[in-house]
């Protein structure tokens, strides 16, 4: 094993152990309400709720959370298979507060099947002109009922951010890959 691999491995272990604390000001942006509609059963007869990785709890929209900038921001991935649509929410360090950014798009890259979707800004009510904390896009592969994994990337005030996410299987024994 080379020295670089050891250093990267130690960094990852340290980052996981420390967690994703943040010091964002909760007064900075409105607190997100719980999703307007309760989770509805999908065509498999169960509610579509995903697991979360890296010690994060459920996002405010019951999506999968990923870090952006070592906890400065978080992004929450949600998918509506029936609409073949993904929605990503940009959140603050507290993993709950809507945090509008000045961007017209962010990029969603899915690992398997491999595809990319440019998500367009879809500002929530009351967000400042030219800013959004919600980004939405469609792709036919999002209609496949499975646990997605990939990367969400974007730019905030000239700084690029990238976050990896992985949906995890439900605790109900149902495997979407069947």
C-alpha atoms as a PDB file:
ATOM      1  CA  UNK A   1       0.000   0.000   0.000  1.00  0.00           C
ATOM      2  CA  UNK A   2       1.507   3.351  -0.933  1.00  0.00           C
ATOM      3  CA  UNK A   3       1.768   6.319   1.412  1.00  0.00           C
ATOM      4  CA  UNK A   4      -0.941   8.301  -0.430  1.00  0.00           C
ATOM      5  CA  UNK A   5      -3.487   5.492   0.084  1.00  0.00           C
ATOM      6  CA  UNK A   6      -2.673   5.350   3.792  1.00  0.00           C
ATOM      7  CA  UNK A   7      -3.070   9.132   4.171  1.00  0.00           C
ATOM      8  CA  UNK A   8      -6.370   9.153   2.254  1.00  0.00           C
ATOM      9  CA  UNK A   9      -7.631   6.194   4.304  1.00  0.00           C
ATOM     10  CA  UNK A  10      -6.738   7.873   7.594  1.00  0.00           C
ATOM     11  CA  UNK A  11      -8.395  11.109   6.442  1.00  0.00           C
ATOM     12  CA  UNK A  12     -11.610   9.233   5.587  1.00  0.00           C
ATOM     13  CA  UNK A  13     -11.652   7.466   8.970  1.00  0.00           C
ATOM     14  CA  UNK A  14     -11.060  10.789  10.768  1.00  0.00           C
ATOM     15  CA  UNK A  15     -13.784  12.526   8.757  1.00  0.00           C
ATOM     16  CA  UNK A  16     -16.250   9.740   9.549  1.00  0.00           C
ATOM     17  CA  UNK A  17     -15.378   9.790  13.258  1.00  0.00           C
ATOM     18  CA  UNK A  18     -15.748  13.566  13.538  1.00  0.00           C
ATOM     19  CA  UNK A  19     -19.090  13.622  11.715  1.00  0.00           C
ATOM     20  CA  UNK A  20     -20.723  16.483   9.938  1.00  0.00           C
ATOM     21  CA  UNK A  21     -21.180  19.210  12.495  1.00  0.00           C
ATOM     22  CA  UNK A  22     -21.804  22.630  11.127  1.00  0.00           C
ATOM     23  CA  UNK A  23     -21.922  26.168  12.325  1.00  0.00           C
ATOM     24  CA  UNK A  24     -24.471  27.570   9.907  1.00  0.00           C
ATOM     25  CA  UNK A  25     -26.708  30.228  11.388  1.00  0.00           C
ATOM     26  CA  UNK A  26     -30.220  28.744  11.629  1.00  0.00           C
ATOM     27  CA  UNK A  27     -31.706  32.253  11.258  1.00  0.00           C
ATOM     28  CA  UNK A  28     -30.038  32.494   7.850  1.00  0.00           C
ATOM     29  CA  UNK A  29     -32.839  30.716   5.954  1.00  0.00           C
ATOM     30  CA  UNK A  30     -36.352  29.475   6.667  1.00  0.00           C
ATOM     31  CA  UNK A  31     -36.685  26.086   8.340  1.00  0.00           C
ATOM     32  CA  UNK A  32     -38.078  23.468   5.978  1.00  0.00           C
ATOM     33  CA  UNK A  33     -41.410  21.988   6.916  1.00  0.00           C
ATOM     34  CA  UNK A  34     -41.943  18.272   6.690  1.00  0.00           C
ATOM     35  CA  UNK A  35     -42.938  17.211   3.188  1.00  0.00           C
ATOM     36  CA  UNK A  36     -46.471  18.339   2.392  1.00  0.00           C
ATOM     37  CA  UNK A  37     -47.706  14.854   1.461  1.00  0.00           C
ATOM     38  CA  UNK A  38     -47.059  11.846   3.632  1.00  0.00           C
ATOM     39  CA  UNK A  39     -45.052   9.066   2.040  1.00  0.00           C
ATOM     40  CA  UNK A  40     -47.407   7.136  -0.173  1.00  0.00           C
ATOM     41  CA  UNK A  41     -47.090   3.468  -0.909  1.00  0.00           C
ATOM     42  CA  UNK A  42     -45.362   2.822  -4.217  1.00  0.00           C
ATOM     43  CA  UNK A  43     -46.340   0.080  -6.631  1.00  0.00           C
ATOM     44  CA  UNK A  44     -44.750  -2.500  -4.287  1.00  0.00           C
ATOM     45  CA  UNK A  45     -47.203  -1.749  -1.461  1.00  0.00           C
ATOM     46  CA  UNK A  46     -44.815  -0.011   0.937  1.00  0.00           C
ATOM     47  CA  UNK A  47     -43.819   3.535   1.673  1.00  0.00           C
ATOM     48  CA  UNK A  48     -40.803   4.704  -0.277  1.00  0.00           C
ATOM     49  CA  UNK A  49     -38.331   5.775   2.368  1.00  0.00           C
ATOM     50  CA  UNK A  50     -34.591   5.385   1.999  1.00  0.00           C
ATOM     51  CA  UNK A  51     -31.739   4.666   4.345  1.00  0.00           C
ATOM     52  CA  UNK A  52     -28.962   7.150   4.901  1.00  0.00           C
ATOM     53  CA  UNK A  53     -25.209   6.748   4.970  1.00  0.00           C
ATOM     54  CA  UNK A  54     -22.288   8.207   6.884  1.00  0.00           C
ATOM     55  CA  UNK A  55     -24.197   8.595  10.139  1.00  0.00           C
ATOM     56  CA  UNK A  56     -26.695  11.120   8.777  1.00  0.00           C
ATOM     57  CA  UNK A  57     -30.299  10.886   9.833  1.00  0.00           C
ATOM     58  CA  UNK A  58     -33.184  11.243   7.448  1.00  0.00           C
ATOM     59  CA  UNK A  59     -33.319  14.540   5.581  1.00  0.00           C
ATOM     60  CA  UNK A  60     -36.390  16.767   5.995  1.00  0.00           C
ATOM     61  CA  UNK A  61     -37.870  15.210   2.836  1.00  0.00           C
ATOM     62  CA  UNK A  62     -36.959  11.637   3.924  1.00  0.00           C
ATOM     63  CA  UNK A  63     -34.176  11.590   1.347  1.00  0.00           C
ATOM     64  CA  UNK A  64     -30.548  10.498   1.417  1.00  0.00           C
ATOM     65  CA  UNK A  65     -28.071  13.097   2.696  1.00  0.00           C
ATOM     66  CA  UNK A  66     -24.543  13.853   1.508  1.00  0.00           C
ATOM     67  CA  UNK A  67     -21.927  16.349   2.681  1.00  0.00           C
ATOM     68  CA  UNK A  68     -20.948  19.351   0.632  1.00  0.00           C
ATOM     69  CA  UNK A  69     -17.827  21.088   1.911  1.00  0.00           C
ATOM     70  CA  UNK A  70     -17.112  19.094   5.057  1.00  0.00           C
ATOM     71  CA  UNK A  71     -20.455  19.889   6.665  1.00  0.00           C
ATOM     72  CA  UNK A  72     -20.795  23.514   5.529  1.00  0.00           C
ATOM     73  CA  UNK A  73     -23.673  22.380   3.322  1.00  0.00           C
ATOM     74  CA  UNK A  74     -25.578  19.150   2.888  1.00  0.00           C
ATOM     75  CA  UNK A  75     -27.546  17.961  -0.125  1.00  0.00           C
ATOM     76  CA  UNK A  76     -30.569  15.689   0.086  1.00  0.00           C
ATOM     77  CA  UNK A  77     -31.370  13.336  -2.805  1.00  0.00           C
ATOM     78  CA  UNK A  78     -34.969  12.256  -3.369  1.00  0.00           C
ATOM     79  CA  UNK A  79     -36.472  10.404  -6.312  1.00  0.00           C
ATOM     80  CA  UNK A  80     -40.007   9.921  -7.632  1.00  0.00           C
ATOM     81  CA  UNK A  81     -39.805   6.784  -9.779  1.00  0.00           C
ATOM     82  CA  UNK A  82     -43.299   7.269 -11.255  1.00  0.00           C
ATOM     83  CA  UNK A  83     -42.374  10.739 -12.545  1.00  0.00           C
ATOM     84  CA  UNK A  84     -38.794   9.650 -13.470  1.00  0.00           C
ATOM     85  CA  UNK A  85     -37.711  12.713 -11.503  1.00  0.00           C
ATOM     86  CA  UNK A  86     -34.995  13.511  -8.967  1.00  0.00           C
ATOM     87  CA  UNK A  87     -35.100  16.429  -6.561  1.00  0.00           C
ATOM     88  CA  UNK A  88     -32.062  17.616  -4.624  1.00  0.00           C
ATOM     89  CA  UNK A  89     -32.385  20.040  -1.716  1.00  0.00           C
ATOM     90  CA  UNK A  90     -29.451  22.167  -0.530  1.00  0.00           C
ATOM     91  CA  UNK A  91     -29.402  22.314   3.262  1.00  0.00           C
ATOM     92  CA  UNK A  92     -27.261  24.006   5.874  1.00  0.00           C
ATOM     93  CA  UNK A  93     -24.820  22.373   8.262  1.00  0.00           C
ATOM     94  CA  UNK A  94     -27.727  21.351  10.518  1.00  0.00           C
ATOM     95  CA  UNK A  95     -29.056  19.045   7.747  1.00  0.00           C
ATOM     96  CA  UNK A  96     -32.516  20.685   8.081  1.00  0.00           C
ATOM     97  CA  UNK A  97     -32.434  24.342   7.039  1.00  0.00           C
ATOM     98  CA  UNK A  98     -33.131  25.238   3.410  1.00  0.00           C
ATOM     99  CA  UNK A  99     -30.041  27.047   2.146  1.00  0.00           C
ATOM    100  CA  UNK A 100     -30.622  28.787  -1.191  1.00  0.00           C
ATOM    101  CA  UNK A 101     -27.559  29.096  -3.419  1.00  0.00           C
ATOM    102  CA  UNK A 102     -27.009  31.291  -6.461  1.00  0.00           C
ATOM    103  CA  UNK A 103     -26.973  28.600  -9.122  1.00  0.00           C
ATOM    104  CA  UNK A 104     -29.248  27.808 -12.036  1.00  0.00           C
ATOM    105  CA  UNK A 105     -28.281  24.116 -12.155  1.00  0.00           C
ATOM    106  CA  UNK A 106     -26.446  21.371 -10.287  1.00  0.00           C
ATOM    107  CA  UNK A 107     -25.332  18.008 -11.676  1.00  0.00           C
ATOM    108  CA  UNK A 108     -26.536  14.598 -10.538  1.00  0.00           C
ATOM    109  CA  UNK A 109     -24.324  11.679 -11.612  1.00  0.00           C
ATOM    110  CA  UNK A 110     -25.660   8.154 -11.004  1.00  0.00           C
ATOM    111  CA  UNK A 111     -23.262   5.193 -10.896  1.00  0.00           C
ATOM    112  CA  UNK A 112     -25.472   2.254 -11.990  1.00  0.00           C
ATOM    113  CA  UNK A 113     -26.890   2.507 -14.535  1.00  0.00           C
ATOM    114  CA  UNK A 114     -24.412   5.229 -15.403  1.00  0.00           C
ATOM    115  CA  UNK A 115     -26.104   8.500 -16.388  1.00  0.00           C
ATOM    116  CA  UNK A 116     -26.154  12.201 -15.554  1.00  0.00           C
ATOM    117  CA  UNK A 117     -28.998  14.647 -15.077  1.00  0.00           C
ATOM    118  CA  UNK A 118     -28.712  18.409 -14.981  1.00  0.00           C
ATOM    119  CA  UNK A 119     -31.073  19.540 -12.229  1.00  0.00           C
ATOM    120  CA  UNK A 120     -32.621  22.967 -12.746  1.00  0.00           C
ATOM    121  CA  UNK A 121     -33.285  25.464  -9.969  1.00  0.00           C
ATOM    122  CA  UNK A 122     -36.873  25.294  -8.684  1.00  0.00           C
ATOM    123  CA  UNK A 123     -36.888  27.863  -5.848  1.00  0.00           C
ATOM    124  CA  UNK A 124     -39.080  27.298  -2.830  1.00  0.00           C
ATOM    125  CA  UNK A 125     -41.592  30.016  -1.998  1.00  0.00           C
ATOM    126  CA  UNK A 126     -39.891  33.021  -0.388  1.00  0.00           C
ATOM    127  CA  UNK A 127     -36.356  32.281  -1.568  1.00  0.00           C
ATOM    128  CA  UNK A 128     -34.360  35.277  -2.854  1.00  0.00           C
ATOM    129  CA  UNK A 129     -34.472  36.095  -6.569  1.00  0.00           C
ATOM    130  CA  UNK A 130     -31.749  34.175  -8.439  1.00  0.00           C
ATOM    131  CA  UNK A 131     -31.258  31.668  -5.594  1.00  0.00           C
ATOM    132  CA  UNK A 132     -32.688  28.221  -4.924  1.00  0.00           C
ATOM    133  CA  UNK A 133     -32.381  25.432  -2.392  1.00  0.00           C
ATOM    134  CA  UNK A 134     -34.321  22.986  -4.608  1.00  0.00           C
ATOM    135  CA  UNK A 135     -33.157  21.525  -7.931  1.00  0.00           C
ATOM    136  CA  UNK A 136     -35.232  19.177 -10.107  1.00  0.00           C
ATOM    137  CA  UNK A 137     -34.548  17.073 -13.193  1.00  0.00           C
ATOM    138  CA  UNK A 138     -35.954  14.114 -15.132  1.00  0.00           C
ATOM    139  CA  UNK A 139     -34.351  11.067 -16.731  1.00  0.00           C
ATOM    140  CA  UNK A 140     -36.011   7.843 -17.872  1.00  0.00           C
ATOM    141  CA  UNK A 141     -33.523   5.779 -15.814  1.00  0.00           C
ATOM    142  CA  UNK A 142     -34.893   7.369 -12.617  1.00  0.00           C
ATOM    143  CA  UNK A 143     -38.061   5.352 -13.269  1.00  0.00           C
ATOM    144  CA  UNK A 144     -36.203   2.162 -12.372  1.00  0.00           C
ATOM    145  CA  UNK A 145     -37.087   1.208  -8.802  1.00  0.00           C
ATOM    146  CA  UNK A 146     -33.708   0.642  -7.154  1.00  0.00           C
ATOM    147  CA  UNK A 147     -31.381   2.116  -4.553  1.00  0.00           C
ATOM    148  CA  UNK A 148     -29.354   4.804  -6.368  1.00  0.00           C
ATOM    149  CA  UNK A 149     -25.787   5.874  -5.615  1.00  0.00           C
ATOM    150  CA  UNK A 150     -23.796   8.672  -7.164  1.00  0.00           C
ATOM    151  CA  UNK A 151     -22.479  12.188  -6.874  1.00  0.00           C
ATOM    152  CA  UNK A 152     -24.129  15.595  -6.597  1.00  0.00           C
ATOM    153  CA  UNK A 153     -21.952  18.491  -7.744  1.00  0.00           C
ATOM    154  CA  UNK A 154     -22.421  22.218  -8.004  1.00  0.00           C
ATOM    155  CA  UNK A 155     -20.801  25.582  -7.440  1.00  0.00           C
ATOM    156  CA  UNK A 156     -21.495  28.073  -4.672  1.00  0.00           C
ATOM    157  CA  UNK A 157     -19.933  31.548  -4.952  1.00  0.00           C
ATOM    158  CA  UNK A 158     -17.137  30.250  -7.189  1.00  0.00           C
ATOM    159  CA  UNK A 159     -16.334  27.233  -4.992  1.00  0.00           C
ATOM    160  CA  UNK A 160     -17.030  23.772  -6.427  1.00  0.00           C
ATOM    161  CA  UNK A 161     -18.774  21.272  -4.136  1.00  0.00           C
ATOM    162  CA  UNK A 162     -19.113  17.523  -4.619  1.00  0.00           C
ATOM    163  CA  UNK A 163     -20.941  15.045  -2.406  1.00  0.00           C
ATOM    164  CA  UNK A 164     -21.318  11.288  -2.766  1.00  0.00           C
ATOM    165  CA  UNK A 165     -24.540   9.610  -1.670  1.00  0.00           C
ATOM    166  CA  UNK A 166     -25.847   6.078  -1.514  1.00  0.00           C
ATOM    167  CA  UNK A 167     -29.425   5.077  -0.863  1.00  0.00           C
ATOM    168  CA  UNK A 168     -29.603   2.018   1.367  1.00  0.00           C
ATOM    169  CA  UNK A 169     -32.110  -0.809   1.358  1.00  0.00           C
ATOM    170  CA  UNK A 170     -35.258  -0.466   3.408  1.00  0.00           C
ATOM    171  CA  UNK A 171     -35.452  -2.167   6.757  1.00  0.00           C
ATOM    172  CA  UNK A 172     -38.566  -4.057   5.582  1.00  0.00           C
ATOM    173  CA  UNK A 173     -36.675  -6.792   3.759  1.00  0.00           C
ATOM    174  CA  UNK A 174     -37.778  -5.482   0.356  1.00  0.00           C
ATOM    175  CA  UNK A 175     -35.016  -5.268  -2.207  1.00  0.00           C
ATOM    176  CA  UNK A 176     -35.663  -2.814  -5.064  1.00  0.00           C
ATOM    177  CA  UNK A 177     -33.216  -4.649  -7.332  1.00  0.00           C
ATOM    178  CA  UNK A 178     -35.449  -7.723  -7.638  1.00  0.00           C
END
